[in-house]
Structures are given as structure tokens and as C-alpha cells.
Amino acid sequence: MKSPFPGMDPYIESRGLWGDFHTKLIGDLERTLAAALPERYFVSTGERSYIVLVGEDGKVAHPFLPDVGIRSSEPVPVGGQSATATAVAEPQTASTPVQMQAFVDEHFRENFIEIYEAEPEERLVTCIEVLSPSNKRPNTEGWDIYQRKRNTLLLGAANFVEIDLLRGGQRMPMLSRWPNSPYYILMCRRRRAPYCTAWPAYFRERLPVVTVPLDDPDPDIKLDLQPMVEAIYERSRYSRRIDYSRALNPPCAAEESAWLADQLRTRVPQAQGGEAGSQK
């Protein structure tokens, strides 16, 4: 079964399938670009990897798919005590169990794509990022690490394409106002940095065909995201894994919620009588 949406399916994010989708989209982008690149380029996938520790100070790194490897089963409240820990009023005996808190780490992995010029020596030409939820939460390690890389690229280190197909989290900082759309694709040519082109993207309509710049004098590559999203949906059997009768999270504004409900009533039998999204 195909997705009930002509553009991005917001329920992929809402139903916890983003990690699976993100990994497959990176793979499809790599294969599509490799087939279209002139002979003097090659495409490579890279990974940012970092670990956040939860210790005595009570700092908790919240898990955001698709980057999480290991996480604690329960959040640790501020103050360092676990939710199940109890104060000990009586002296301990040799056989009395003691509640303790372990160091817990979360391993975050964020994949991206890079296009290199192979000759006369390897040189980064274009970087393509598909944002993860961990990139969109300010004042976290994932936000800070990504912002450092993003700022370097927007200063002209290489061509840059940023794909945001997540409704949740905070959008990337820009001097100009973002388009009023749930998603976007941003492109910055190295020679014109920091000036960018942004394509608004929706679930109501087909995702835009975006431009991937190469080095002069080679022409840009046109990247059609919609067939990739549809192919991932179908081969991953998302129609069997998504309960469209449950409310969408993050919730939609009233107009979008009404459109979603109408779309699901006509396209998804299991959504009959359900709630597509809550009004803000």
C-alpha cells in the first residue's frame, strides 16, 4: 500500500519509525547520486558519533531517534537519585540491599553524505545532511556539534544541502524567516555563501525536486526526493506498522488537522472515526 499523503508522511516521525526511514533515505540518496555523478567525483557516507553520560549531577540526555544506541530505561530526576531510590534511615547490615545509580551512556550516530572530487586530489565539494531529531534540540550535544559543522559549511567550506523532513524540534538559525511549511530543503553554493535557496516542503503536495551543486563547470544534479520516500514506505511496509487512527504528534494546526483527517478518511480505512491530529 502507498502512503496516503502526496508528499512526506508525518506519521513516520510520529510513530517512531524515523530511525529506520533516515537510514534508508541516506542509502537511497547515496545510490542515486553515485549513478548521476560525473566520473571525476565520488560519493561517500560519513557518521558523527558521540556519547553523552548521565552521572551524579542529574544531567539527562534525552533519546532522539535515529541516533540512540543505548539508553537508561527510566529518566533520572535532577538531584542524582533514581526514581526508585529510597532514603535509608536505619543503619545498614551486611545483607541489606542498597539502591545505587549507575553511569549510563547514550551513543548518538548521525549519518550524512559527502561528494568529493577525486582528481587531482581528493577534495570535499558538497555535503548533504538529512536532519535527525538530535540536531533540532537546542543546548544539547547534538545541536552544538551540528551547528559547528553547519556554520563552517555556510561560510563557504563546501556546497551544502540540508534536508529537514521533521516537524518536531527547533529549526536551524537563519537571519531570514523560514517559509511557513512543515518541512524544507536548504541549498547553499560555496561561492555564494552565506546566501541560500530554500524549498518549502509539505505533506499536502509532492516534495520538491532540489538542486545538488557540484564544482564549476559541472552542472547541478537534480534530486527528486518523492520517489525515494514512496519507495521506502512501500518496501518497509509502513502501512502495516502505522496506526493512523492515533493523534499526530507533534499536533497540527486546525487547518492542517482538518485536511489530514479528510485525507485519511478517504485513503486509510483504519483511520475511520480516528483523530488525525490535535489542534494547537
Protein backbone atom coordinates (compact mmCIF):
# COMPACT_ATOMS: atom_id res chain seq x y z
CA MET A 1 0.00 0.00 0.00
CA LYS A 2 1.19 3.51 -0.83
CA SER A 3 1.36 6.35 1.66
CA PRO A 4 -1.92 8.27 1.91
CA PHE A 5 0.00 11.54 1.50
CA PRO A 6 1.24 13.02 -1.78
CA GLY A 7 4.30 14.47 0.00
CA MET A 8 6.05 13.50 3.23
CA ASP A 9 4.12 11.20 5.58
CA PRO A 10 4.14 12.94 9.01
CA TYR A 11 3.21 9.68 10.75
CA ILE A 12 6.65 8.20 10.04
CA GLU A 13 8.08 10.64 12.57
CA SER A 14 5.09 10.48 14.90
CA ARG A 15 5.04 6.66 15.15
CA GLY A 16 8.72 6.17 15.99
CA LEU A 17 9.84 4.98 12.53
CA TRP A 18 12.22 7.85 11.86
CA GLY A 19 15.39 5.88 12.61
CA ASP A 20 14.53 3.23 10.04
CA PHE A 21 13.43 5.83 7.49
CA HIS A 22 16.53 8.01 7.98
CA THR A 23 18.94 5.13 7.43
CA LYS A 24 17.17 4.02 4.25
CA LEU A 25 16.89 7.55 2.85
CA ILE A 26 20.64 8.11 3.30
CA GLY A 27 21.28 4.86 1.41
CA ASP A 28 18.93 5.78 -1.43
CA LEU A 29 20.45 9.25 -1.72
CA GLU A 30 23.95 7.78 -1.92
CA ARG A 31 23.00 5.33 -4.68
CA THR A 32 21.08 7.94 -6.68
CA LEU A 33 23.90 10.47 -6.52
CA ALA A 34 26.57 7.89 -7.35
CA ALA A 35 24.71 6.95 -10.53
CA ALA A 36 24.36 10.60 -11.61
CA LEU A 37 27.81 11.98 -10.77
CA PRO A 38 30.38 12.70 -13.49
CA GLU A 39 33.35 10.37 -13.49
CA ARG A 40 35.69 12.73 -11.66
CA TYR A 41 33.53 12.66 -8.48
CA PHE A 42 32.69 10.03 -5.92
CA VAL A 43 30.14 9.93 -3.11
CA SER A 44 30.75 8.76 0.43
CA THR A 45 28.65 8.37 3.58
CA GLY A 46 30.01 9.60 6.89
CA GLU A 47 28.97 9.41 10.52
CA ARG A 48 29.13 11.71 13.52
CA SER A 49 29.32 9.68 16.69
CA TYR A 50 29.34 10.84 20.28
CA ILE A 51 28.41 9.60 23.74
CA VAL A 52 26.52 11.50 26.42
CA LEU A 53 26.97 10.33 30.01
CA VAL A 54 24.33 10.52 32.72
CA GLY A 55 26.09 10.98 36.05
CA GLU A 56 25.66 12.24 39.57
CA ASP A 57 24.77 15.77 38.52
CA GLY A 58 21.48 14.51 37.17
CA LYS A 59 22.03 15.64 33.58
CA VAL A 60 19.89 13.55 31.29
CA ALA A 61 20.44 13.31 27.54
CA HIS A 62 17.01 12.57 26.11
CA PRO A 63 16.92 9.82 23.45
CA PHE A 64 16.15 11.05 19.93
CA LEU A 65 15.88 8.56 17.11
CA PRO A 66 17.62 7.69 14.83
CA ASP A 67 20.77 8.35 16.81
CA VAL A 68 20.25 6.41 20.02
CA GLY A 69 22.24 3.29 20.73
CA ILE A 70 21.92 2.62 24.48
CA ARG A 71 19.81 4.49 26.99
CA SER A 72 18.58 4.12 30.54
CA SER A 73 15.18 2.52 30.95
CA GLU A 74 13.99 5.31 33.28
CA PRO A 75 14.77 9.04 33.36
CA VAL A 76 16.93 10.24 36.23
CA PRO A 77 15.47 13.25 38.06
CA VAL A 78 17.56 16.28 38.97
CA GLY A 79 19.48 15.65 42.15
CA GLY A 80 21.09 12.39 41.13
CA GLN A 81 18.63 9.93 42.74
CA SER A 82 16.83 7.42 40.56
CA ALA A 83 13.04 7.41 40.61
CA THR A 84 13.02 4.16 42.59
CA ALA A 85 15.73 5.09 45.11
CA THR A 86 14.67 5.35 48.77
CA ALA A 87 16.32 7.15 51.65
CA VAL A 88 17.89 4.84 54.22
CA ALA A 89 17.04 5.83 57.79
CA GLU A 90 18.34 2.72 59.55
CA PRO A 91 21.98 1.53 59.74
CA GLN A 92 22.83 -0.98 57.06
CA THR A 93 23.53 -4.62 57.83
CA ALA A 94 25.65 -6.91 55.70
CA SER A 95 22.58 -8.38 53.99
CA THR A 96 20.59 -5.16 53.41
CA PRO A 97 20.27 -4.29 49.68
CA VAL A 98 21.36 -0.80 48.72
CA GLN A 99 19.86 1.28 45.92
CA MET A 100 22.57 2.65 43.59
CA GLN A 101 22.72 4.69 40.40
CA ALA A 102 24.91 3.58 37.52
CA PHE A 103 26.64 5.70 34.92
CA VAL A 104 24.56 5.35 31.75
CA ASP A 105 25.64 6.41 28.31
CA GLU A 106 23.76 7.19 25.17
CA HIS A 107 25.55 6.66 21.89
CA PHE A 108 24.38 9.02 19.15
CA ARG A 109 25.10 8.33 15.48
CA GLU A 110 24.25 10.82 12.75
CA ASN A 111 24.83 9.84 9.12
CA PHE A 112 25.45 12.26 6.26
CA ILE A 113 26.60 12.26 2.62
CA GLU A 114 29.65 13.87 1.06
CA ILE A 115 30.60 14.34 -2.59
CA TYR A 116 34.31 14.52 -3.36
CA GLU A 117 36.33 15.50 -6.38
CA ALA A 118 38.74 12.60 -6.96
CA GLU A 119 41.40 14.36 -9.06
CA PRO A 120 43.94 15.89 -8.96
CA GLU A 121 43.50 15.21 -5.23
CA GLU A 122 40.53 14.33 -3.05
CA ARG A 123 38.58 17.45 -2.12
CA LEU A 124 35.19 17.88 -0.47
CA VAL A 125 32.79 19.51 -2.93
CA THR A 126 29.30 19.09 -1.44
CA CYS A 127 27.89 17.93 1.89
CA ILE A 128 24.27 16.69 2.22
CA GLU A 129 22.65 16.45 5.64
CA VAL A 130 19.30 14.84 6.48
CA LEU A 131 18.48 16.26 9.90
CA SER A 132 17.97 13.96 12.87
CA PRO A 133 15.83 14.85 15.91
CA SER A 134 19.02 15.23 17.98
CA ASN A 135 20.16 18.04 15.64
CA LYS A 136 16.99 20.05 16.36
CA ARG A 137 17.10 20.26 20.17
CA PRO A 138 18.96 23.40 21.29
CA ASN A 139 21.50 23.30 24.12
CA THR A 140 22.33 19.65 23.57
CA GLU A 141 25.47 17.96 22.31
CA GLY A 142 23.75 17.00 19.05
CA TRP A 143 22.71 20.60 18.39
CA ASP A 144 26.12 22.06 19.26
CA ILE A 145 28.16 19.59 17.18
CA TYR A 146 25.91 20.02 14.15
CA GLN A 147 25.89 23.83 14.42
CA ARG A 148 29.68 23.92 14.33
CA LYS A 149 29.74 21.90 11.11
CA ARG A 150 26.82 23.82 9.60
CA ASN A 151 28.41 27.19 10.29
CA THR A 152 31.65 26.07 8.64
CA LEU A 153 29.78 24.99 5.51
CA LEU A 154 27.71 28.19 5.39
CA LEU A 155 30.95 30.17 5.46
CA GLY A 156 31.90 28.56 2.15
CA ALA A 157 33.92 25.47 3.05
CA ALA A 158 31.87 23.45 0.53
CA ASN A 159 28.48 23.36 -1.17
CA PHE A 160 25.78 22.43 1.32
CA VAL A 161 22.34 20.79 1.14
CA GLU A 162 20.22 20.45 4.30
CA ILE A 163 17.07 18.31 4.24
CA ASP A 164 14.61 18.71 7.12
CA LEU A 165 11.69 16.25 6.96
CA LEU A 166 10.92 16.51 10.68
CA ARG A 167 8.09 18.60 12.11
CA GLY A 168 9.37 18.30 15.67
CA GLY A 169 12.22 20.24 17.23
CA GLN A 170 13.55 23.73 16.51
CA ARG A 171 14.50 24.92 13.06
CA MET A 172 18.05 25.90 12.26
CA PRO A 173 19.03 29.53 12.95
CA MET A 174 18.83 31.86 9.93
CA LEU A 175 18.76 35.65 9.51
CA SER A 176 15.84 35.34 7.08
CA ARG A 177 12.44 33.98 8.07
CA TRP A 178 11.82 30.33 7.19
CA PRO A 179 8.92 29.56 4.81
CA ASN A 180 5.66 28.65 6.51
CA SER A 181 5.84 24.94 5.74
CA PRO A 182 6.21 21.81 7.87
CA TYR A 183 9.44 20.80 6.08
CA TYR A 184 12.16 22.40 3.97
CA ILE A 185 15.27 21.75 1.89
CA LEU A 186 18.08 24.31 2.03
CA MET A 187 20.90 24.68 -0.53
CA CYS A 188 23.97 26.90 -0.26
CA ARG A 189 26.53 27.22 -3.07
CA ARG A 190 30.05 27.63 -1.80
CA ARG A 191 30.74 30.67 -3.96
CA ARG A 192 27.56 32.44 -2.77
CA ALA A 193 27.76 31.57 0.95
CA PRO A 194 26.10 32.53 3.23
CA TYR A 195 23.20 33.20 0.82
CA CYS A 196 20.97 30.16 0.39
CA THR A 197 17.99 28.84 -1.55
CA ALA A 198 15.17 27.20 0.43
CA TRP A 199 12.43 24.95 -0.92
CA PRO A 200 9.32 24.64 1.27
CA ALA A 201 8.04 21.06 1.54
CA TYR A 202 4.68 19.66 2.62
CA PHE A 203 2.66 16.52 3.23
CA ARG A 204 -0.16 18.01 1.13
CA GLU A 205 1.84 18.06 -2.09
CA ARG A 206 4.76 16.38 -3.78
CA LEU A 207 8.21 17.04 -2.33
CA PRO A 208 10.27 19.45 -4.44
CA VAL A 209 12.99 18.46 -6.89
CA VAL A 210 16.08 20.03 -5.36
CA THR A 211 19.44 21.09 -6.71
CA VAL A 212 22.73 19.49 -5.65
CA PRO A 213 25.60 21.75 -6.76
CA LEU A 214 28.96 20.40 -7.91
CA ASP A 215 32.20 22.17 -8.79
CA ASP A 216 32.38 24.51 -11.77
CA PRO A 217 31.90 23.95 -14.68
CA ASP A 218 29.87 20.80 -13.99
CA PRO A 219 26.08 21.22 -13.98
CA ASP A 220 23.97 20.68 -10.89
CA ILE A 221 22.35 17.34 -10.17
CA LYS A 222 18.56 17.35 -9.87
CA LEU A 223 17.48 15.27 -6.89
CA ASP A 224 13.88 14.04 -6.80
CA LEU A 225 13.08 13.10 -3.21
CA GLN A 226 9.47 11.98 -3.64
CA PRO A 227 10.11 8.64 -5.41
CA MET A 228 12.66 7.73 -2.72
CA VAL A 229 10.22 8.47 0.11
CA GLU A 230 7.47 6.47 -1.61
CA ALA A 231 9.76 3.51 -2.30
CA ILE A 232 10.94 3.39 1.32
CA TYR A 233 7.34 3.50 2.53
CA GLU A 234 6.25 0.60 0.34
CA ARG A 235 9.20 -1.75 0.77
CA SER A 236 9.28 -1.11 4.54
CA ARG A 237 5.56 -1.97 4.84
CA TYR A 238 4.89 1.21 6.79
CA SER A 239 1.17 0.93 6.00
CA ARG A 240 1.09 -2.17 8.26
CA ARG A 241 3.16 -0.52 11.00
CA ILE A 242 1.46 2.86 11.30
CA ASP A 243 -1.76 3.31 13.25
CA TYR A 244 -3.32 6.29 11.51
CA SER A 245 -6.23 6.40 13.96
CA ARG A 246 -3.99 7.80 16.71
CA ALA A 247 -3.45 11.55 17.14
CA LEU A 248 -0.46 13.02 15.35
CA ASN A 249 2.49 14.15 17.46
CA PRO A 250 3.57 16.94 17.24
CA PRO A 251 -0.02 18.11 16.76
CA CYS A 252 -1.09 20.14 13.75
CA ALA A 253 -2.79 23.50 13.46
CA ALA A 254 -6.54 23.42 12.89
CA GLU A 255 -6.46 23.78 9.09
CA GLU A 256 -3.81 21.09 8.66
CA SER A 257 -5.59 18.80 11.11
CA ALA A 258 -8.85 19.05 9.14
CA TRP A 259 -7.03 18.28 5.87
CA LEU A 260 -5.25 15.29 7.44
CA ALA A 261 -8.50 13.88 8.81
CA ASP A 262 -10.22 14.20 5.43
CA GLN A 263 -7.25 12.64 3.61
CA LEU A 264 -7.13 9.68 5.97
CA ARG A 265 -10.88 9.07 5.82
CA THR A 266 -10.67 8.59 2.06
CA ARG A 267 -7.30 6.80 1.86
CA VAL A 268 -6.90 4.75 5.05
CA PRO A 269 -9.79 2.53 6.21
CA GLN A 270 -8.27 2.01 9.68
CA ALA A 271 -8.40 5.75 10.32
CA GLN A 272 -12.20 5.88 10.11
CA GLY A 273 -13.50 7.56 13.22
CA GLY A 274 -9.98 8.33 14.44
CA GLU A 275 -8.28 11.61 15.11
CA ALA A 276 -5.64 12.71 12.63
CA GLY A 277 -4.20 15.41 14.83
CA SER A 278 -4.97 17.74 17.69
CA GLN A 279 -5.45 21.42 17.23
CA LYS A 280 -2.84 23.76 18.65
